[in-house]
N, C-alpha and C. Protein backbone atom coordinates (compact mmCIF):
# COMPACT_ATOMS: atom_id res chain seq x y z
N MET A 1 -41.66 17.69 14.29
CA MET A 1 -40.42 16.95 14.29
C MET A 1 -39.53 17.31 13.10
N ALA A 2 -40.12 17.68 11.98
CA ALA A 2 -39.34 17.96 10.77
C ALA A 2 -38.64 19.31 10.90
N HIS A 3 -37.42 19.36 10.36
CA HIS A 3 -36.64 20.60 10.37
C HIS A 3 -36.89 21.36 9.08
N GLY A 4 -38.05 21.88 8.88
CA GLY A 4 -38.33 22.63 7.65
C GLY A 4 -39.70 22.31 7.13
N ARG A 5 -40.00 22.85 5.98
CA ARG A 5 -41.34 22.72 5.42
C ARG A 5 -41.43 21.71 4.29
N THR A 6 -40.35 21.11 3.89
CA THR A 6 -40.37 20.23 2.73
C THR A 6 -40.42 18.75 3.11
N HIS A 7 -41.09 18.44 4.19
CA HIS A 7 -41.15 17.05 4.67
C HIS A 7 -42.08 16.19 3.83
N GLY A 8 -43.01 16.79 3.09
CA GLY A 8 -43.91 16.03 2.21
C GLY A 8 -44.88 15.14 2.96
N GLY A 9 -45.07 15.39 4.25
CA GLY A 9 -46.01 14.60 5.02
C GLY A 9 -45.46 13.31 5.58
N VAL A 10 -44.14 13.11 5.44
CA VAL A 10 -43.54 11.87 5.91
C VAL A 10 -42.37 12.18 6.83
N ILE A 11 -42.29 11.48 7.94
CA ILE A 11 -41.16 11.60 8.86
C ILE A 11 -40.70 10.19 9.21
N ALA A 12 -39.39 9.97 9.16
CA ALA A 12 -38.82 8.68 9.56
C ALA A 12 -37.94 8.92 10.78
N VAL A 13 -38.05 8.06 11.75
CA VAL A 13 -37.19 8.13 12.93
C VAL A 13 -36.11 7.06 12.75
N CYS A 14 -34.86 7.51 12.70
CA CYS A 14 -33.75 6.61 12.40
C CYS A 14 -32.64 6.79 13.43
N SER A 15 -31.82 5.78 13.55
CA SER A 15 -30.64 5.90 14.40
C SER A 15 -29.49 6.43 13.55
N PRO A 16 -28.48 7.04 14.17
CA PRO A 16 -27.35 7.56 13.41
C PRO A 16 -26.62 6.44 12.67
N ARG A 17 -26.03 6.79 11.55
CA ARG A 17 -25.31 5.82 10.75
C ARG A 17 -24.01 5.41 11.46
N PRO A 18 -23.81 4.12 11.63
CA PRO A 18 -22.53 3.68 12.21
C PRO A 18 -21.46 3.64 11.12
N PRO A 19 -20.19 3.69 11.50
CA PRO A 19 -19.12 3.53 10.51
C PRO A 19 -19.18 2.13 9.90
N SER A 20 -18.66 2.02 8.68
CA SER A 20 -18.55 0.71 8.05
C SER A 20 -17.57 -0.14 8.84
N PRO A 21 -17.82 -1.45 8.94
CA PRO A 21 -16.90 -2.30 9.71
C PRO A 21 -15.54 -2.42 9.03
N PRO A 22 -14.45 -2.49 9.80
CA PRO A 22 -13.10 -2.57 9.23
C PRO A 22 -12.93 -3.75 8.26
N GLU A 23 -13.65 -4.83 8.48
CA GLU A 23 -13.53 -5.99 7.58
C GLU A 23 -13.94 -5.62 6.15
N GLU A 24 -14.85 -4.66 6.03
CA GLU A 24 -15.29 -4.22 4.71
C GLU A 24 -14.12 -3.59 3.94
N MET A 25 -13.28 -2.83 4.63
CA MET A 25 -12.10 -2.25 3.98
C MET A 25 -11.14 -3.35 3.56
N ASP A 26 -10.94 -4.33 4.42
CA ASP A 26 -10.07 -5.45 4.07
C ASP A 26 -10.58 -6.16 2.82
N ASN A 27 -11.88 -6.34 2.71
CA ASN A 27 -12.47 -6.97 1.52
C ASN A 27 -12.22 -6.14 0.28
N LEU A 28 -12.42 -4.84 0.38
CA LEU A 28 -12.16 -3.95 -0.76
C LEU A 28 -10.70 -4.06 -1.22
N LEU A 29 -9.79 -4.02 -0.26
CA LEU A 29 -8.36 -4.08 -0.59
C LEU A 29 -7.98 -5.42 -1.19
N ARG A 30 -8.61 -6.47 -0.75
CA ARG A 30 -8.29 -7.81 -1.24
C ARG A 30 -8.91 -8.06 -2.63
N GLU A 31 -10.10 -7.55 -2.86
CA GLU A 31 -10.86 -7.88 -4.07
C GLU A 31 -10.57 -6.96 -5.25
N ARG A 32 -10.08 -5.77 -5.02
CA ARG A 32 -9.91 -4.79 -6.10
C ARG A 32 -8.45 -4.63 -6.50
N ARG A 33 -8.22 -4.68 -7.82
CA ARG A 33 -6.88 -4.42 -8.34
C ARG A 33 -6.60 -2.92 -8.31
N THR A 34 -7.61 -2.13 -8.65
CA THR A 34 -7.51 -0.67 -8.54
C THR A 34 -8.52 -0.21 -7.50
N ILE A 35 -8.18 0.86 -6.82
CA ILE A 35 -9.08 1.38 -5.79
C ILE A 35 -8.83 2.87 -5.64
N LEU A 36 -9.89 3.60 -5.41
CA LEU A 36 -9.78 5.04 -5.17
C LEU A 36 -10.43 5.34 -3.82
N LEU A 37 -9.61 5.80 -2.89
CA LEU A 37 -10.07 6.12 -1.54
C LEU A 37 -9.88 7.62 -1.30
N LEU A 38 -10.66 8.15 -0.39
CA LEU A 38 -10.54 9.55 0.01
C LEU A 38 -10.44 9.61 1.52
N LEU A 39 -9.38 10.24 2.03
CA LEU A 39 -9.22 10.45 3.46
C LEU A 39 -9.48 11.93 3.72
N ILE A 40 -10.42 12.20 4.63
CA ILE A 40 -10.80 13.57 4.93
C ILE A 40 -10.50 13.86 6.40
N GLU A 41 -9.84 14.99 6.64
CA GLU A 41 -9.65 15.43 8.03
C GLU A 41 -9.72 16.94 8.09
N GLY A 42 -10.03 17.44 9.27
CA GLY A 42 -10.05 18.88 9.48
C GLY A 42 -11.28 19.59 8.96
N VAL A 43 -12.36 18.87 8.71
CA VAL A 43 -13.59 19.51 8.24
C VAL A 43 -14.21 20.28 9.40
N GLU A 44 -14.64 21.49 9.12
CA GLU A 44 -15.22 22.34 10.17
C GLU A 44 -16.74 22.44 10.06
N ASP A 45 -17.31 22.02 8.94
CA ASP A 45 -18.71 22.28 8.67
C ASP A 45 -19.39 21.02 8.14
N SER A 46 -20.52 20.68 8.69
CA SER A 46 -21.22 19.45 8.29
C SER A 46 -21.68 19.50 6.83
N ARG A 47 -22.09 20.65 6.35
CA ARG A 47 -22.52 20.75 4.94
C ARG A 47 -21.33 20.60 4.00
N ASN A 48 -20.19 21.16 4.36
CA ASN A 48 -18.99 21.00 3.55
C ASN A 48 -18.63 19.51 3.43
N LEU A 49 -18.75 18.79 4.54
CA LEU A 49 -18.52 17.34 4.50
C LEU A 49 -19.53 16.66 3.59
N GLY A 50 -20.79 17.03 3.72
CA GLY A 50 -21.82 16.43 2.87
C GLY A 50 -21.57 16.67 1.40
N PHE A 51 -21.20 17.90 1.03
CA PHE A 51 -20.90 18.18 -0.37
C PHE A 51 -19.69 17.39 -0.86
N THR A 52 -18.71 17.21 0.01
CA THR A 52 -17.53 16.42 -0.34
C THR A 52 -17.91 14.97 -0.59
N LEU A 53 -18.75 14.41 0.27
CA LEU A 53 -19.20 13.02 0.08
C LEU A 53 -20.01 12.87 -1.20
N ARG A 54 -20.82 13.86 -1.50
CA ARG A 54 -21.62 13.83 -2.73
C ARG A 54 -20.72 13.78 -3.96
N SER A 55 -19.67 14.60 -3.97
CA SER A 55 -18.71 14.59 -5.09
C SER A 55 -17.96 13.26 -5.14
N ALA A 56 -17.55 12.76 -3.97
CA ALA A 56 -16.82 11.49 -3.92
C ALA A 56 -17.66 10.37 -4.53
N ASP A 57 -18.92 10.32 -4.19
CA ASP A 57 -19.81 9.29 -4.72
C ASP A 57 -19.96 9.45 -6.24
N ALA A 58 -20.17 10.66 -6.69
CA ALA A 58 -20.38 10.91 -8.12
C ALA A 58 -19.14 10.62 -8.95
N LEU A 59 -17.95 10.78 -8.36
CA LEU A 59 -16.71 10.65 -9.12
C LEU A 59 -16.01 9.31 -8.90
N GLY A 60 -16.69 8.34 -8.32
CA GLY A 60 -16.19 6.97 -8.30
C GLY A 60 -15.33 6.56 -7.13
N VAL A 61 -15.39 7.27 -6.02
CA VAL A 61 -14.61 6.87 -4.84
C VAL A 61 -15.20 5.57 -4.29
N ASP A 62 -14.31 4.63 -3.99
CA ASP A 62 -14.75 3.33 -3.47
C ASP A 62 -15.08 3.37 -1.99
N ALA A 63 -14.40 4.22 -1.23
CA ALA A 63 -14.65 4.35 0.21
C ALA A 63 -14.01 5.65 0.70
N VAL A 64 -14.56 6.14 1.81
CA VAL A 64 -14.06 7.37 2.42
C VAL A 64 -13.62 7.06 3.84
N LEU A 65 -12.46 7.58 4.21
CA LEU A 65 -11.93 7.45 5.57
C LEU A 65 -12.11 8.79 6.26
N LEU A 66 -12.78 8.78 7.40
CA LEU A 66 -13.08 10.01 8.12
C LEU A 66 -12.44 9.98 9.50
N LYS A 67 -11.76 11.06 9.87
CA LYS A 67 -11.20 11.14 11.22
C LYS A 67 -12.35 11.08 12.23
N LYS A 68 -12.06 10.54 13.41
CA LYS A 68 -13.11 10.21 14.38
C LYS A 68 -13.97 11.40 14.80
N HIS A 69 -13.42 12.60 14.87
CA HIS A 69 -14.22 13.75 15.31
C HIS A 69 -15.33 14.10 14.32
N ILE A 70 -15.18 13.68 13.08
CA ILE A 70 -16.18 13.99 12.06
C ILE A 70 -17.50 13.29 12.35
N TRP A 71 -17.45 12.18 13.06
CA TRP A 71 -18.68 11.45 13.39
C TRP A 71 -19.55 12.23 14.36
N ASP A 72 -19.05 13.34 14.90
CA ASP A 72 -19.84 14.15 15.82
C ASP A 72 -20.73 15.16 15.11
N PHE A 73 -20.61 15.29 13.79
CA PHE A 73 -21.45 16.23 13.05
C PHE A 73 -22.90 15.81 13.07
N ASP A 74 -23.78 16.76 12.88
CA ASP A 74 -25.22 16.49 12.80
C ASP A 74 -25.48 15.66 11.55
N PRO A 75 -25.89 14.40 11.72
CA PRO A 75 -26.08 13.53 10.55
C PRO A 75 -27.15 14.02 9.59
N VAL A 76 -28.12 14.77 10.09
CA VAL A 76 -29.16 15.31 9.21
C VAL A 76 -28.56 16.33 8.26
N GLU A 77 -27.72 17.22 8.77
CA GLU A 77 -27.07 18.23 7.92
C GLU A 77 -26.13 17.59 6.90
N VAL A 78 -25.33 16.63 7.36
CA VAL A 78 -24.41 15.94 6.44
C VAL A 78 -25.21 15.22 5.36
N SER A 79 -26.20 14.47 5.78
CA SER A 79 -27.00 13.67 4.85
C SER A 79 -27.71 14.53 3.83
N ARG A 80 -28.27 15.64 4.27
CA ARG A 80 -28.99 16.53 3.35
C ARG A 80 -28.05 17.04 2.26
N ALA A 81 -26.87 17.52 2.65
CA ALA A 81 -25.91 18.04 1.66
C ALA A 81 -25.32 16.92 0.80
N ALA A 82 -25.20 15.72 1.36
CA ALA A 82 -24.60 14.59 0.63
C ALA A 82 -25.55 14.01 -0.41
N SER A 83 -26.82 14.32 -0.30
CA SER A 83 -27.81 13.87 -1.28
C SER A 83 -27.74 12.37 -1.56
N GLY A 84 -27.72 11.57 -0.50
CA GLY A 84 -27.71 10.12 -0.63
C GLY A 84 -26.36 9.46 -0.44
N ALA A 85 -25.28 10.20 -0.67
CA ALA A 85 -23.94 9.61 -0.57
C ALA A 85 -23.61 9.21 0.87
N TRP A 86 -24.15 9.90 1.86
CA TRP A 86 -23.92 9.57 3.27
C TRP A 86 -24.39 8.15 3.55
N ASP A 87 -25.44 7.74 2.86
CA ASP A 87 -26.01 6.41 3.09
C ASP A 87 -25.43 5.33 2.19
N SER A 88 -24.93 5.70 1.03
CA SER A 88 -24.48 4.68 0.07
C SER A 88 -22.98 4.42 0.06
N LEU A 89 -22.17 5.41 0.37
CA LEU A 89 -20.71 5.23 0.35
C LEU A 89 -20.23 4.47 1.58
N PRO A 90 -19.28 3.55 1.43
CA PRO A 90 -18.65 2.98 2.61
C PRO A 90 -17.84 4.07 3.32
N LEU A 91 -18.12 4.29 4.60
CA LEU A 91 -17.45 5.31 5.39
C LEU A 91 -16.76 4.64 6.57
N PHE A 92 -15.44 4.85 6.66
CA PHE A 92 -14.65 4.21 7.70
C PHE A 92 -14.14 5.24 8.68
N LYS A 93 -14.26 4.94 9.94
CA LYS A 93 -13.79 5.83 11.00
C LYS A 93 -12.31 5.58 11.23
N VAL A 94 -11.54 6.65 11.21
CA VAL A 94 -10.10 6.61 11.44
C VAL A 94 -9.85 7.23 12.80
N ASP A 95 -9.29 6.45 13.71
CA ASP A 95 -9.07 6.97 15.06
C ASP A 95 -7.94 7.98 15.09
N ARG A 96 -6.74 7.56 14.79
CA ARG A 96 -5.61 8.50 14.81
C ARG A 96 -4.96 8.62 13.44
N GLY A 97 -5.12 7.65 12.60
CA GLY A 97 -4.60 7.72 11.25
C GLY A 97 -3.41 6.84 10.98
N ALA A 98 -2.50 6.74 11.91
CA ALA A 98 -1.24 6.03 11.66
C ALA A 98 -1.48 4.57 11.31
N GLU A 99 -2.21 3.85 12.13
CA GLU A 99 -2.42 2.41 11.89
C GLU A 99 -3.19 2.17 10.61
N GLU A 100 -4.25 2.94 10.39
CA GLU A 100 -5.08 2.75 9.21
C GLU A 100 -4.29 3.05 7.93
N ILE A 101 -3.53 4.12 7.94
CA ILE A 101 -2.74 4.48 6.75
C ILE A 101 -1.64 3.45 6.51
N ASP A 102 -0.98 3.02 7.56
CA ASP A 102 0.06 2.00 7.39
C ASP A 102 -0.53 0.72 6.82
N HIS A 103 -1.73 0.36 7.23
CA HIS A 103 -2.41 -0.82 6.69
C HIS A 103 -2.68 -0.64 5.18
N LEU A 104 -3.14 0.54 4.79
CA LEU A 104 -3.38 0.82 3.37
C LEU A 104 -2.08 0.71 2.58
N ARG A 105 -1.03 1.28 3.10
CA ARG A 105 0.25 1.29 2.38
C ARG A 105 0.81 -0.13 2.25
N ARG A 106 0.65 -0.96 3.27
CA ARG A 106 1.07 -2.36 3.18
C ARG A 106 0.26 -3.12 2.11
N SER A 107 -0.93 -2.62 1.83
CA SER A 107 -1.79 -3.23 0.81
C SER A 107 -1.54 -2.65 -0.58
N GLY A 108 -0.50 -1.85 -0.71
CA GLY A 108 -0.13 -1.31 -2.02
C GLY A 108 -0.86 -0.04 -2.43
N VAL A 109 -1.47 0.64 -1.48
CA VAL A 109 -2.18 1.89 -1.77
C VAL A 109 -1.21 3.05 -1.59
N LEU A 110 -1.12 3.89 -2.62
CA LEU A 110 -0.29 5.10 -2.54
C LEU A 110 -1.13 6.22 -1.93
N LEU A 111 -0.53 6.96 -1.00
CA LEU A 111 -1.22 8.07 -0.34
C LEU A 111 -0.67 9.38 -0.88
N TRP A 112 -1.54 10.14 -1.53
CA TRP A 112 -1.17 11.45 -2.05
C TRP A 112 -1.85 12.51 -1.19
N GLY A 113 -1.05 13.37 -0.58
CA GLY A 113 -1.58 14.48 0.21
C GLY A 113 -1.82 15.68 -0.68
N CYS A 114 -2.98 16.26 -0.55
CA CYS A 114 -3.32 17.45 -1.34
C CYS A 114 -3.06 18.68 -0.47
N VAL A 115 -2.03 19.42 -0.85
CA VAL A 115 -1.61 20.58 -0.05
C VAL A 115 -1.28 21.76 -0.96
N PRO A 116 -1.58 22.96 -0.49
CA PRO A 116 -1.18 24.14 -1.27
C PRO A 116 0.33 24.27 -1.24
N GLY A 117 0.89 24.79 -2.30
CA GLY A 117 2.33 25.03 -2.33
C GLY A 117 3.16 23.86 -2.82
N SER A 118 2.55 22.70 -3.05
CA SER A 118 3.31 21.59 -3.62
C SER A 118 3.72 21.98 -5.04
N ARG A 119 4.84 21.49 -5.46
CA ARG A 119 5.31 21.81 -6.82
C ARG A 119 4.67 20.93 -7.88
N ARG A 120 4.03 19.85 -7.46
CA ARG A 120 3.49 18.88 -8.41
C ARG A 120 1.97 19.08 -8.57
N PRO A 121 1.52 19.51 -9.76
CA PRO A 121 0.08 19.62 -9.99
C PRO A 121 -0.57 18.23 -9.98
N VAL A 122 -1.80 18.17 -9.55
CA VAL A 122 -2.50 16.89 -9.42
C VAL A 122 -2.56 16.15 -10.76
N TRP A 123 -2.61 16.85 -11.88
CA TRP A 123 -2.71 16.16 -13.16
C TRP A 123 -1.38 15.60 -13.66
N ASP A 124 -0.29 15.83 -12.92
CA ASP A 124 1.00 15.23 -13.27
C ASP A 124 1.28 13.94 -12.52
N VAL A 125 0.29 13.43 -11.78
CA VAL A 125 0.46 12.22 -10.97
C VAL A 125 -0.48 11.14 -11.51
N ASP A 126 0.02 9.91 -11.55
CA ASP A 126 -0.79 8.78 -12.00
C ASP A 126 -1.75 8.37 -10.87
N LEU A 127 -3.03 8.57 -11.09
CA LEU A 127 -4.05 8.27 -10.09
C LEU A 127 -4.92 7.09 -10.50
N ARG A 128 -4.38 6.20 -11.35
CA ARG A 128 -5.19 5.11 -11.88
C ARG A 128 -5.16 3.83 -11.07
N GLY A 129 -4.16 3.59 -10.27
CA GLY A 129 -4.02 2.31 -9.59
C GLY A 129 -4.72 2.26 -8.24
N ARG A 130 -3.96 1.92 -7.23
CA ARG A 130 -4.46 1.84 -5.85
C ARG A 130 -4.05 3.14 -5.16
N VAL A 131 -5.01 4.05 -5.01
CA VAL A 131 -4.71 5.42 -4.60
C VAL A 131 -5.64 5.86 -3.48
N CYS A 132 -5.07 6.59 -2.53
CA CYS A 132 -5.85 7.29 -1.52
C CYS A 132 -5.45 8.76 -1.58
N LEU A 133 -6.42 9.62 -1.76
CA LEU A 133 -6.18 11.06 -1.76
C LEU A 133 -6.55 11.61 -0.39
N ALA A 134 -5.62 12.32 0.24
CA ALA A 134 -5.84 12.88 1.57
C ALA A 134 -6.06 14.38 1.44
N ILE A 135 -7.18 14.85 1.97
CA ILE A 135 -7.53 16.25 1.88
C ILE A 135 -7.84 16.77 3.28
N GLY A 136 -7.23 17.90 3.62
CA GLY A 136 -7.44 18.51 4.93
C GLY A 136 -8.32 19.74 4.84
N GLY A 137 -8.81 20.16 5.99
CA GLY A 137 -9.68 21.32 6.05
C GLY A 137 -8.94 22.63 5.80
N GLU A 138 -9.72 23.68 5.65
CA GLU A 138 -9.17 24.99 5.30
C GLU A 138 -8.29 25.58 6.39
N LYS A 139 -8.59 25.31 7.64
CA LYS A 139 -7.83 25.95 8.72
C LYS A 139 -6.50 25.27 9.00
N ARG A 140 -6.52 23.93 9.15
CA ARG A 140 -5.30 23.24 9.58
C ARG A 140 -4.67 22.39 8.49
N GLY A 141 -5.37 22.10 7.43
CA GLY A 141 -4.82 21.24 6.40
C GLY A 141 -4.68 19.81 6.90
N LEU A 142 -3.67 19.12 6.42
CA LEU A 142 -3.44 17.73 6.84
C LEU A 142 -2.61 17.68 8.12
N SER A 143 -2.93 16.73 8.96
CA SER A 143 -2.20 16.56 10.22
C SER A 143 -0.79 16.04 9.95
N ALA A 144 0.08 16.19 10.93
CA ALA A 144 1.46 15.70 10.81
C ALA A 144 1.48 14.18 10.63
N VAL A 145 0.57 13.46 11.29
CA VAL A 145 0.51 12.00 11.17
C VAL A 145 0.26 11.60 9.72
N VAL A 146 -0.64 12.29 9.06
CA VAL A 146 -0.95 11.97 7.66
C VAL A 146 0.19 12.42 6.76
N ARG A 147 0.68 13.62 6.95
CA ARG A 147 1.77 14.15 6.10
C ARG A 147 3.00 13.24 6.12
N GLU A 148 3.33 12.73 7.30
CA GLU A 148 4.51 11.87 7.43
C GLU A 148 4.37 10.57 6.64
N ARG A 149 3.16 10.15 6.37
CA ARG A 149 2.93 8.88 5.70
C ARG A 149 2.61 9.03 4.22
N CYS A 150 2.57 10.24 3.73
CA CYS A 150 2.25 10.47 2.32
C CYS A 150 3.41 10.01 1.43
N ASP A 151 3.05 9.41 0.30
CA ASP A 151 4.05 9.04 -0.70
C ASP A 151 4.48 10.25 -1.51
N GLY A 152 3.67 11.28 -1.52
CA GLY A 152 3.96 12.51 -2.24
C GLY A 152 2.85 13.50 -2.03
N PHE A 153 3.06 14.70 -2.55
CA PHE A 153 2.08 15.77 -2.38
C PHE A 153 1.72 16.35 -3.73
N VAL A 154 0.47 16.74 -3.86
CA VAL A 154 -0.01 17.37 -5.08
C VAL A 154 -0.75 18.64 -4.71
N THR A 155 -0.92 19.49 -5.70
CA THR A 155 -1.64 20.73 -5.49
C THR A 155 -2.55 21.00 -6.67
N ILE A 156 -3.48 21.89 -6.48
CA ILE A 156 -4.34 22.38 -7.56
C ILE A 156 -3.80 23.76 -7.91
N PRO A 157 -3.18 23.91 -9.07
CA PRO A 157 -2.66 25.23 -9.43
C PRO A 157 -3.79 26.26 -9.52
N MET A 158 -3.56 27.40 -8.91
CA MET A 158 -4.55 28.48 -8.92
C MET A 158 -3.85 29.77 -9.33
N ARG A 159 -4.63 30.73 -9.68
CA ARG A 159 -4.05 32.02 -10.06
C ARG A 159 -3.35 32.64 -8.87
N GLU A 160 -2.34 33.41 -9.17
CA GLU A 160 -1.58 34.06 -8.09
C GLU A 160 -2.49 35.01 -7.33
N GLY A 161 -2.39 34.97 -6.01
CA GLY A 161 -3.19 35.83 -5.16
C GLY A 161 -4.47 35.17 -4.66
N ALA A 162 -4.85 34.04 -5.26
CA ALA A 162 -6.04 33.33 -4.76
C ALA A 162 -5.71 32.72 -3.41
N THR A 163 -6.65 32.77 -2.49
CA THR A 163 -6.36 32.28 -1.14
C THR A 163 -6.42 30.77 -1.06
N SER A 164 -7.57 30.18 -1.33
CA SER A 164 -7.70 28.73 -1.25
C SER A 164 -9.06 28.31 -1.78
N LEU A 165 -9.24 27.01 -1.87
CA LEU A 165 -10.54 26.44 -2.20
C LEU A 165 -11.11 25.82 -0.93
N SER A 166 -12.42 25.70 -0.88
CA SER A 166 -13.02 24.97 0.24
C SER A 166 -12.64 23.51 0.10
N LEU A 167 -12.74 22.78 1.21
CA LEU A 167 -12.41 21.36 1.18
C LEU A 167 -13.25 20.63 0.12
N SER A 168 -14.54 20.93 0.05
CA SER A 168 -15.40 20.24 -0.91
C SER A 168 -15.01 20.58 -2.35
N ALA A 169 -14.66 21.81 -2.61
CA ALA A 169 -14.26 22.19 -3.97
C ALA A 169 -12.92 21.54 -4.34
N ALA A 170 -11.96 21.56 -3.42
CA ALA A 170 -10.65 20.94 -3.69
C ALA A 170 -10.81 19.44 -3.91
N ALA A 171 -11.61 18.80 -3.09
CA ALA A 171 -11.84 17.35 -3.26
C ALA A 171 -12.46 17.07 -4.62
N THR A 172 -13.40 17.89 -5.04
CA THR A 172 -14.05 17.68 -6.33
C THR A 172 -13.05 17.80 -7.47
N VAL A 173 -12.16 18.77 -7.41
CA VAL A 173 -11.17 18.96 -8.48
C VAL A 173 -10.23 17.75 -8.56
N VAL A 174 -9.67 17.31 -7.43
CA VAL A 174 -8.71 16.20 -7.49
C VAL A 174 -9.41 14.88 -7.82
N LEU A 175 -10.63 14.69 -7.34
CA LEU A 175 -11.36 13.46 -7.68
C LEU A 175 -11.79 13.45 -9.14
N ALA A 176 -12.11 14.61 -9.68
CA ALA A 176 -12.46 14.68 -11.10
C ALA A 176 -11.24 14.32 -11.96
N GLU A 177 -10.06 14.74 -11.53
CA GLU A 177 -8.84 14.36 -12.27
C GLU A 177 -8.61 12.86 -12.18
N ALA A 178 -8.82 12.27 -11.02
CA ALA A 178 -8.68 10.82 -10.89
C ALA A 178 -9.69 10.10 -11.78
N ALA A 179 -10.91 10.57 -11.78
CA ALA A 179 -11.95 9.96 -12.63
C ALA A 179 -11.60 10.10 -14.11
N ARG A 180 -11.08 11.26 -14.50
CA ARG A 180 -10.68 11.48 -15.90
C ARG A 180 -9.60 10.49 -16.30
N GLN A 181 -8.55 10.38 -15.46
CA GLN A 181 -7.46 9.47 -15.77
C GLN A 181 -7.95 8.03 -15.88
N ARG A 182 -8.83 7.64 -14.99
CA ARG A 182 -9.32 6.26 -14.98
C ARG A 182 -10.22 5.96 -16.16
N SER A 183 -10.87 6.97 -16.70
CA SER A 183 -11.74 6.74 -17.86
C SER A 183 -10.97 6.78 -19.18
N VAL A 184 -9.85 7.47 -19.20
CA VAL A 184 -9.06 7.61 -20.43
C VAL A 184 -8.25 6.35 -20.71
N ARG A 185 -7.62 5.81 -19.69
CA ARG A 185 -6.79 4.62 -19.86
C ARG A 185 -6.77 3.81 -18.58
N PRO A 186 -6.83 2.50 -18.68
CA PRO A 186 -6.83 1.68 -17.48
C PRO A 186 -5.47 1.70 -16.78
N ALA A 187 -5.50 1.32 -15.53
CA ALA A 187 -4.26 1.25 -14.73
C ALA A 187 -3.38 0.15 -15.27
N PRO A 188 -2.05 0.30 -15.13
CA PRO A 188 -1.13 -0.74 -15.62
C PRO A 188 -1.26 -2.02 -14.81
């Protein structure tokens, strides 16, 4: 039954992880003065998603919003790469994005889209308050629904001629900047 040789003599049979209930997001938004959310879309690889969740957990993300197709990934592959974050982070399923994002914005959450070519480097934006960072996959980036609702766009400056970063690497860079800002000085 085990997929590999490192099972250690133990196998657990589990059901797939369900998304966190929407009421949990409402509680987070109501109870927290500052909040750091991550919206992920366009992921093509289950391990890339797992690595992204691992970084999100390590860098203080309060919850992750995942587009509905992401729930079709092999949970074993995601969980293995996430190294526990798949089980510990609140993960919310986003059906189309519009309603969920509008709800966040009505709750005072700023949505920053991370896109190549933006003129504003991520470290020039205040990420200390109520923030959601939206990151898209390497092929399609952010959807039009998400882009239309962004309060602004940021980029990770790279050397000229560099093609791009993987979704997990880009997420780690922008989340590390948010964590740095939040540790240096509290939100106003």
